[in-house]
Amino acid sequence: MLNGEARAPRAHLHAIGTAVPDLDVHQDFIDWATTRLTDRYAQSLFRRMSARSGITHRWSVLPHAKGGSPITPGGFYFGNRLPSTAARMQLYAEKAPELALAAIAALAEKEPLGKITHLVVASCTGFVAPGIDQLIARRLGLDPGIERTLVGFMGCYAAVAALRVAYHIARSEPQARVLVVTVELSTLHLVETDEIESMLAMLQFADGAAAAIVSAEEGPIAIDRFFAATLPDSSELIQWTIGDAGFEMHLSGKVPGRIAQALHDPDMRAQILHDCAADEVAWAVHAGGRSILDSVETALALPPEALDPSRAVLNAYGNMSSATLMFVLDGILDGDDRRNGIALAFGPGLAAEGFGFSRAA
């Protein structure tokens, strides 16, 4: 009891299911991008950066001819003119629910879904109305009266926002059982460019979905606290705008350095670490790119193996925007038994968001 009031129940993360499409586009993109860079120095730099990206595979929902890729005859991006935003959103409305349902099916193999009372969906790579939350609820056969929340266009830290909504629901309604879904189709947004910074940004991104159950019922992971900070003088470093031919990502090469600078700030470190020692917790860091992970590791003086779960996700799947952190958390659920952990993600703003978590005693 505290001041005569009962403490709110803790929110627990029970299990995570993940899904990716079956088309690996990573090497095809590298080949395509190299031909678009007319400057020989830029071509050489792009090849070096691709080899050092820490990415081996990236998966896509894009239509393609059998045995081909999205840029070959019969593919979504074949031809001299890239598809309109309308065409991309039409594909999003078709493919995003399918991929989300695949992640939910993977979740159900680990944890019975039970009676879902709330649905929280995060997605920033498409817009459709009725919303993707309604499409998922309908295809999953959920009660039409289910309470739904859609977290949109927040970028790579949107999984934190979605879990934060679920956390507050579970603590305020102890009988609630919240289904959290993140689904991103980043490969819908290839843009025609000869700028190497844009090519290197597109080199990171891929498609993926994840689903989790959060409730007040005892589970393997308790979510303890959330934190958020928008870094000053950095709003231009990550921008995501809607154009006539897809969503246009601007990801500055200054992002890793700005993150490192922020993580050296004592107030920021105290907010993230709370009362934990950086080298003693499990780290679930959004796999936004190799240089970002390197910056976090160096700035926090982490052991070399501390970000292995993040690097493994980056290697196998690339950056799937909001879904990526859920993939990293899934790996930690399955393979890291340390008592305490910290989840951390970065996105437009430039902002850092995350939460602390702990293993059930």
Protein backbone atom coordinates (compact mmCIF):
# COMPACT_ATOMS: atom_id res chain seq x y z
CA MET A 1 0.00 0.00 0.00
CA LEU A 2 1.17 3.56 -0.71
CA ASN A 3 -0.58 6.48 1.05
CA GLY A 4 -3.53 4.21 1.62
CA GLU A 5 -3.84 3.24 -2.04
CA ALA A 6 -3.15 -0.16 -3.62
CA ARG A 7 -0.31 -0.25 -6.11
CA ALA A 8 -1.29 -0.61 -9.75
CA PRO A 9 -0.61 -4.08 -11.16
CA ARG A 10 2.46 -4.61 -13.29
CA ALA A 11 2.17 -5.11 -17.04
CA HIS A 12 3.79 -8.22 -18.50
CA LEU A 13 4.96 -9.13 -21.98
CA HIS A 14 4.05 -12.78 -22.53
CA ALA A 15 5.39 -13.74 -25.95
CA ILE A 16 6.28 -12.32 -29.37
CA GLY A 17 5.60 -13.75 -32.82
CA THR A 18 7.39 -12.49 -35.93
CA ALA A 19 6.99 -12.80 -39.68
CA VAL A 20 8.74 -11.67 -42.85
CA PRO A 21 7.84 -12.18 -46.54
CA ASP A 22 9.64 -14.80 -48.65
CA LEU A 23 11.41 -12.56 -51.19
CA ASP A 24 14.99 -11.53 -50.37
CA VAL A 25 15.72 -8.24 -52.19
CA HIS A 26 18.98 -7.16 -50.58
CA GLN A 27 21.41 -8.06 -53.37
CA ASP A 28 18.97 -7.03 -56.08
CA PHE A 29 18.75 -3.59 -54.53
CA ILE A 30 22.53 -3.27 -54.33
CA ASP A 31 22.81 -4.15 -58.02
CA TRP A 32 20.04 -1.67 -58.94
CA ALA A 33 21.43 1.15 -56.81
CA THR A 34 24.95 0.78 -58.18
CA THR A 35 23.71 1.36 -61.73
CA ARG A 36 21.90 4.55 -60.63
CA LEU A 37 25.03 6.12 -59.15
CA THR A 38 26.78 7.62 -62.17
CA ASP A 39 29.78 8.96 -60.26
CA ARG A 40 32.49 6.29 -60.03
CA TYR A 41 33.60 7.39 -56.58
CA ALA A 42 29.99 7.18 -55.36
CA GLN A 43 29.68 3.68 -56.84
CA SER A 44 32.84 2.56 -55.07
CA LEU A 45 31.75 4.11 -51.77
CA PHE A 46 28.30 2.52 -52.03
CA ARG A 47 29.80 -0.93 -52.60
CA ARG A 48 32.08 -0.51 -49.58
CA MET A 49 29.25 0.70 -47.38
CA SER A 50 27.01 -2.15 -48.55
CA ALA A 51 29.68 -4.69 -47.66
CA ARG A 52 30.08 -3.11 -44.21
CA SER A 53 26.35 -2.66 -43.53
CA GLY A 54 26.02 -5.74 -41.34
CA ILE A 55 23.05 -6.81 -43.48
CA THR A 56 22.88 -10.06 -45.42
CA HIS A 57 19.14 -10.35 -46.11
CA ARG A 58 16.16 -8.00 -46.44
CA TRP A 59 12.69 -9.33 -47.18
CA SER A 60 9.91 -7.77 -49.27
CA VAL A 61 6.22 -8.23 -50.09
CA LEU A 62 6.69 -6.68 -53.54
CA PRO A 63 5.22 -8.45 -56.58
CA HIS A 64 7.80 -9.97 -58.88
CA ALA A 65 7.98 -12.32 -61.82
CA LYS A 66 8.75 -15.94 -60.95
CA GLY A 67 12.49 -16.27 -60.55
CA GLY A 68 12.93 -12.52 -60.86
CA SER A 69 12.96 -9.45 -58.66
CA PRO A 70 10.72 -6.38 -58.28
CA ILE A 71 12.85 -4.50 -60.85
CA THR A 72 12.74 -7.17 -63.58
CA PRO A 73 9.91 -7.58 -66.13
CA GLY A 74 6.69 -8.37 -64.27
CA GLY A 75 7.95 -6.75 -61.07
CA PHE A 76 6.38 -3.88 -59.15
CA TYR A 77 9.23 -1.49 -59.95
CA PHE A 78 9.92 -2.53 -63.54
CA GLY A 79 9.91 0.21 -66.16
CA ASN A 80 11.02 3.79 -66.56
CA ARG A 81 8.50 5.27 -64.14
CA LEU A 82 8.10 4.18 -60.53
CA PRO A 83 4.59 3.52 -59.18
CA SER A 84 2.50 6.34 -57.72
CA THR A 85 1.84 6.69 -54.02
CA ALA A 86 -1.74 5.55 -54.70
CA ALA A 87 -0.50 2.29 -56.24
CA ARG A 88 1.80 1.71 -53.30
CA MET A 89 -0.99 2.32 -50.79
CA GLN A 90 -3.23 -0.11 -52.65
CA LEU A 91 -0.54 -2.77 -52.21
CA TYR A 92 -0.11 -1.79 -48.56
CA ALA A 93 -3.84 -2.32 -47.93
CA GLU A 94 -3.52 -5.83 -49.38
CA LYS A 95 -0.19 -6.99 -48.00
CA ALA A 96 0.12 -5.36 -44.58
CA PRO A 97 -2.82 -7.24 -43.00
CA GLU A 98 -1.53 -10.52 -44.47
CA LEU A 99 1.91 -10.05 -42.94
CA ALA A 100 0.43 -8.93 -39.62
CA LEU A 101 -1.76 -12.04 -39.49
CA ALA A 102 1.30 -14.22 -40.16
CA ALA A 103 3.02 -12.65 -37.13
CA ILE A 104 -0.11 -13.19 -35.01
CA ALA A 105 -0.19 -16.85 -36.10
CA ALA A 106 3.45 -17.20 -35.03
CA LEU A 107 2.53 -15.62 -31.67
CA ALA A 108 -0.37 -18.05 -31.22
CA GLU A 109 2.06 -20.97 -31.54
CA LYS A 110 3.86 -19.68 -28.43
CA GLU A 111 1.01 -18.19 -26.38
CA PRO A 112 -2.75 -18.78 -26.64
CA LEU A 113 -4.33 -15.54 -27.76
CA GLY A 114 -7.26 -15.97 -25.40
CA LYS A 115 -9.95 -13.28 -25.26
CA ILE A 116 -8.36 -10.17 -26.76
CA THR A 117 -9.88 -7.04 -25.22
CA HIS A 118 -7.70 -4.40 -26.88
CA LEU A 119 -5.78 -4.13 -30.14
CA VAL A 120 -2.84 -1.72 -30.56
CA VAL A 121 -1.27 -1.51 -34.03
CA ALA A 122 1.83 0.45 -35.05
CA SER A 123 2.64 1.11 -38.70
CA CYS A 124 4.25 4.05 -40.48
CA THR A 125 4.71 2.79 -44.03
CA GLY A 126 1.13 3.08 -45.25
CA PHE A 127 -2.27 4.65 -44.83
CA VAL A 128 -5.66 3.09 -45.49
CA ALA A 129 -9.20 3.66 -44.21
CA PRO A 130 -10.80 1.64 -42.72
CA GLY A 131 -7.50 1.47 -40.85
CA ILE A 132 -5.08 -1.42 -40.72
CA ASP A 133 -6.25 -1.98 -37.13
CA GLN A 134 -9.81 -2.58 -38.37
CA LEU A 135 -8.59 -4.83 -41.22
CA ILE A 136 -6.60 -6.96 -38.79
CA ALA A 137 -9.45 -7.16 -36.26
CA ARG A 138 -11.94 -8.19 -38.94
CA ARG A 139 -9.73 -10.86 -40.51
CA LEU A 140 -8.78 -12.19 -37.10
CA GLY A 141 -12.46 -12.46 -36.17
CA LEU A 142 -12.19 -10.25 -33.10
CA ASP A 143 -15.26 -8.80 -31.40
CA PRO A 144 -16.46 -5.78 -33.43
CA GLY A 145 -16.58 -3.86 -30.15
CA ILE A 146 -12.90 -4.36 -29.38
CA GLU A 147 -11.07 -1.20 -28.36
CA ARG A 148 -8.49 -0.30 -31.00
CA THR A 149 -5.56 2.13 -31.11
CA LEU A 150 -3.52 2.90 -34.22
CA VAL A 151 -0.01 4.34 -33.80
CA GLY A 152 1.00 5.84 -37.13
CA PHE A 153 3.95 7.57 -38.74
CA MET A 154 6.15 7.61 -35.63
CA GLY A 155 8.90 5.63 -37.34
CA CYS A 156 11.32 3.21 -35.75
CA TYR A 157 10.37 3.87 -32.12
CA ALA A 158 6.65 3.27 -32.73
CA ALA A 159 6.90 -0.18 -31.11
CA VAL A 160 7.77 1.57 -27.85
CA ALA A 161 4.70 3.79 -28.19
CA ALA A 162 2.49 0.77 -28.93
CA LEU A 163 3.81 -1.16 -25.93
CA ARG A 164 3.39 1.95 -23.77
CA VAL A 165 -0.30 2.11 -24.68
CA ALA A 166 -0.64 -1.60 -23.84
CA TYR A 167 1.24 -1.06 -20.56
CA HIS A 168 -1.16 1.64 -19.40
CA ILE A 169 -4.21 -0.38 -20.43
CA ALA A 170 -3.01 -3.48 -18.57
CA ARG A 171 -2.22 -1.50 -15.42
CA SER A 172 -5.56 0.32 -15.40
CA GLU A 173 -7.68 -2.68 -16.44
CA PRO A 174 -6.22 -5.81 -14.80
CA GLN A 175 -8.52 -8.11 -16.81
CA ALA A 176 -7.40 -6.67 -20.15
CA ARG A 177 -5.54 -8.80 -22.66
CA VAL A 178 -3.86 -6.53 -25.22
CA LEU A 179 -2.69 -7.66 -28.65
CA VAL A 180 0.14 -5.42 -29.88
CA VAL A 181 1.04 -5.57 -33.59
CA THR A 182 3.76 -3.79 -35.54
CA VAL A 183 3.76 -4.14 -39.32
CA GLU A 184 5.91 -2.27 -41.83
CA LEU A 185 6.29 -2.51 -45.61
CA SER A 186 9.31 -0.28 -46.06
CA THR A 187 10.20 -1.66 -49.49
CA LEU A 188 7.06 -0.03 -50.91
CA HIS A 189 8.98 3.22 -50.89
CA LEU A 190 11.83 2.87 -53.37
CA VAL A 191 12.54 6.27 -54.90
CA GLU A 192 14.42 7.20 -58.07
CA THR A 193 17.58 9.05 -57.06
CA ASP A 194 21.27 9.33 -57.81
CA GLU A 195 22.15 10.69 -54.34
CA ILE A 196 24.30 8.29 -52.36
CA GLU A 197 22.88 9.34 -48.96
CA SER A 198 19.38 8.40 -50.14
CA MET A 199 20.67 5.10 -51.53
CA LEU A 200 22.38 4.28 -48.25
CA ALA A 201 19.15 5.04 -46.37
CA MET A 202 17.14 2.71 -48.62
CA LEU A 203 19.85 0.05 -48.22
CA GLN A 204 18.77 -0.40 -44.60
CA PHE A 205 15.03 -0.93 -44.88
CA ALA A 206 12.90 -4.05 -45.25
CA ASP A 207 9.46 -5.50 -44.51
CA GLY A 208 8.42 -7.33 -41.36
CA ALA A 209 5.74 -7.73 -38.71
CA ALA A 210 5.60 -8.72 -35.06
CA ALA A 211 2.84 -9.40 -32.55
CA ALA A 212 2.81 -9.65 -28.76
CA ILE A 213 0.46 -10.19 -25.84
CA VAL A 214 0.57 -7.74 -22.92
CA SER A 215 -1.51 -8.15 -19.76
CA ALA A 216 -1.39 -7.80 -15.98
CA GLU A 217 -1.22 -11.59 -15.67
CA GLU A 218 2.19 -12.85 -14.58
CA GLY A 219 4.46 -13.41 -17.56
CA PRO A 220 8.14 -13.93 -18.39
CA ILE A 221 8.89 -10.20 -18.76
CA ALA A 222 7.58 -7.35 -16.62
CA ILE A 223 7.61 -3.90 -18.20
CA ASP A 224 8.85 -1.56 -15.49
CA ARG A 225 9.07 2.01 -16.78
CA PHE A 226 9.14 4.11 -19.95
CA PHE A 227 11.31 7.02 -20.99
CA ALA A 228 11.34 9.41 -23.93
CA ALA A 229 13.52 12.29 -25.07
CA THR A 230 13.60 14.47 -28.17
CA LEU A 231 17.15 15.57 -28.87
CA PRO A 232 17.51 19.32 -29.46
CA ASP A 233 18.72 20.73 -32.78
CA SER A 234 18.30 17.45 -34.64
CA SER A 235 14.85 17.52 -36.27
CA GLU A 236 16.30 17.62 -39.78
CA LEU A 237 18.39 14.45 -39.35
CA ILE A 238 15.55 11.96 -39.88
CA GLN A 239 12.67 13.02 -42.09
CA TRP A 240 9.91 10.96 -43.68
CA THR A 241 7.76 12.85 -46.16
CA ILE A 242 4.94 11.78 -48.47
CA GLY A 243 5.68 12.36 -52.15
CA ASP A 244 3.84 11.61 -55.38
CA ALA A 245 5.91 8.43 -55.81
CA GLY A 246 6.03 6.97 -52.32
CA PHE A 247 7.25 8.10 -48.92
CA GLU A 248 10.66 9.75 -49.13
CA MET A 249 13.12 8.95 -46.35
CA HIS A 250 15.92 11.34 -45.44
CA LEU A 251 18.39 9.72 -43.06
CA SER A 252 21.43 11.89 -42.40
CA GLY A 253 24.86 10.39 -41.94
CA LYS A 254 25.09 12.58 -38.83
CA VAL A 255 22.54 10.47 -36.93
CA PRO A 256 25.01 8.02 -35.29
CA GLY A 257 27.19 10.88 -34.04
CA ARG A 258 24.20 12.77 -32.66
CA ILE A 259 23.02 9.65 -30.83
CA ALA A 260 26.48 9.11 -29.35
CA GLN A 261 26.56 12.74 -28.21
CA ALA A 262 23.19 12.34 -26.50
CA LEU A 263 24.20 9.12 -24.77
CA HIS A 264 27.22 10.85 -23.25
CA ASP A 265 24.93 13.40 -21.57
CA PRO A 266 24.62 12.53 -17.84
CA ASP A 267 20.90 13.37 -17.69
CA MET A 268 20.13 11.22 -20.72
CA ARG A 269 22.18 8.32 -19.35
CA ALA A 270 20.40 8.56 -16.00
CA GLN A 271 17.01 8.55 -17.72
CA ILE A 272 17.85 5.45 -19.75
CA LEU A 273 19.82 3.48 -17.18
CA HIS A 274 17.79 4.48 -14.12
CA ASP A 275 19.57 2.50 -11.39
CA CYS A 276 21.06 -0.17 -13.69
CA ALA A 277 24.69 -0.74 -14.63
CA ALA A 278 25.06 -0.56 -18.42
CA ASP A 279 27.23 -3.66 -18.62
CA GLU A 280 24.92 -5.82 -16.47
CA VAL A 281 21.59 -5.59 -18.32
CA ALA A 282 20.17 -7.19 -21.45
CA TRP A 283 20.06 -4.59 -24.23
CA ALA A 284 17.28 -4.59 -26.83
CA VAL A 285 18.41 -1.78 -29.12
CA HIS A 286 16.57 -1.02 -32.36
CA ALA A 287 18.74 -2.34 -35.20
CA GLY A 288 18.59 0.87 -37.22
CA GLY A 289 21.94 0.26 -38.86
CA ARG A 290 25.44 -0.95 -38.05
CA SER A 291 26.78 2.56 -37.37
CA ILE A 292 23.93 3.31 -34.97
CA LEU A 293 24.60 0.11 -33.01
CA ASP A 294 28.32 0.90 -32.97
CA SER A 295 27.56 4.37 -31.58
CA VAL A 296 25.36 2.99 -28.80
CA GLU A 297 27.93 0.35 -27.89
CA THR A 298 30.78 2.86 -27.75
CA ALA A 299 28.90 5.67 -25.99
CA LEU A 300 27.61 3.36 -23.24
CA ALA A 301 30.91 1.42 -23.00
CA LEU A 302 29.08 -1.87 -23.52
CA PRO A 303 30.81 -5.25 -23.79
CA PRO A 304 31.30 -6.33 -27.45
CA GLU A 305 28.60 -9.01 -27.18
CA ALA A 306 26.00 -6.74 -25.56
CA LEU A 307 24.26 -5.86 -28.83
CA ASP A 308 24.53 -9.31 -30.44
CA PRO A 309 20.71 -9.73 -30.48
CA SER A 310 20.35 -6.44 -32.38
CA ARG A 311 23.16 -7.23 -34.79
CA ALA A 312 21.67 -10.66 -35.50
CA VAL A 313 18.32 -9.08 -36.43
CA LEU A 314 20.03 -6.47 -38.62
CA ASN A 315 21.98 -9.18 -40.43
CA ALA A 316 19.01 -11.47 -41.05
CA TYR A 317 16.26 -8.92 -41.73
CA GLY A 318 17.58 -5.35 -42.06
CA ASN A 319 15.75 -2.40 -40.53
CA MET A 320 12.00 -3.11 -40.49
CA SER A 321 11.16 0.22 -38.87
CA SER A 322 8.83 -0.26 -35.88
CA ALA A 323 8.84 -4.07 -36.11
CA THR A 324 12.62 -4.29 -35.63
CA LEU A 325 12.70 -3.71 -31.88
CA MET A 326 10.09 -6.46 -31.42
CA PHE A 327 12.33 -8.90 -33.30
CA VAL A 328 15.22 -8.01 -30.98
CA LEU A 329 13.01 -8.43 -27.90
CA ASP A 330 11.90 -11.82 -29.22
CA GLY A 331 15.54 -12.94 -29.37
CA ILE A 332 16.13 -11.77 -25.82
CA LEU A 333 13.00 -13.55 -24.58
CA ASP A 334 14.32 -16.78 -26.05
CA GLY A 335 18.00 -16.46 -25.22
CA ASP A 336 18.96 -14.01 -22.45
CA ASP A 337 18.19 -14.79 -18.82
CA ARG A 338 19.61 -11.65 -17.20
CA ARG A 339 17.34 -10.20 -14.55
CA ASN A 340 17.03 -6.69 -15.96
CA GLY A 341 16.93 -5.20 -19.43
CA ILE A 342 16.55 -1.96 -21.36
CA ALA A 343 14.83 -1.48 -24.71
CA LEU A 344 15.90 1.54 -26.74
CA ALA A 345 14.89 2.89 -30.16
CA PHE A 346 15.49 6.03 -32.20
CA GLY A 347 13.42 7.78 -34.84
CA PRO A 348 12.22 11.06 -36.34
CA GLY A 349 12.69 14.02 -34.10
CA LEU A 350 15.51 12.99 -33.54
CA ALA A 351 13.96 11.17 -30.60
CA ALA A 352 14.96 8.32 -28.30
CA GLU A 353 12.29 6.21 -26.63
CA GLY A 354 12.41 3.03 -24.61
CA PHE A 355 11.57 1.16 -21.44
CA GLY A 356 13.06 -0.94 -18.71
CA PHE A 357 12.03 -4.54 -18.20
CA SER A 358 12.77 -7.37 -15.81
CA ARG A 359 12.50 -11.12 -15.70
CA ALA A 360 9.87 -12.71 -13.50
CA ALA A 361 11.39 -13.83 -10.21
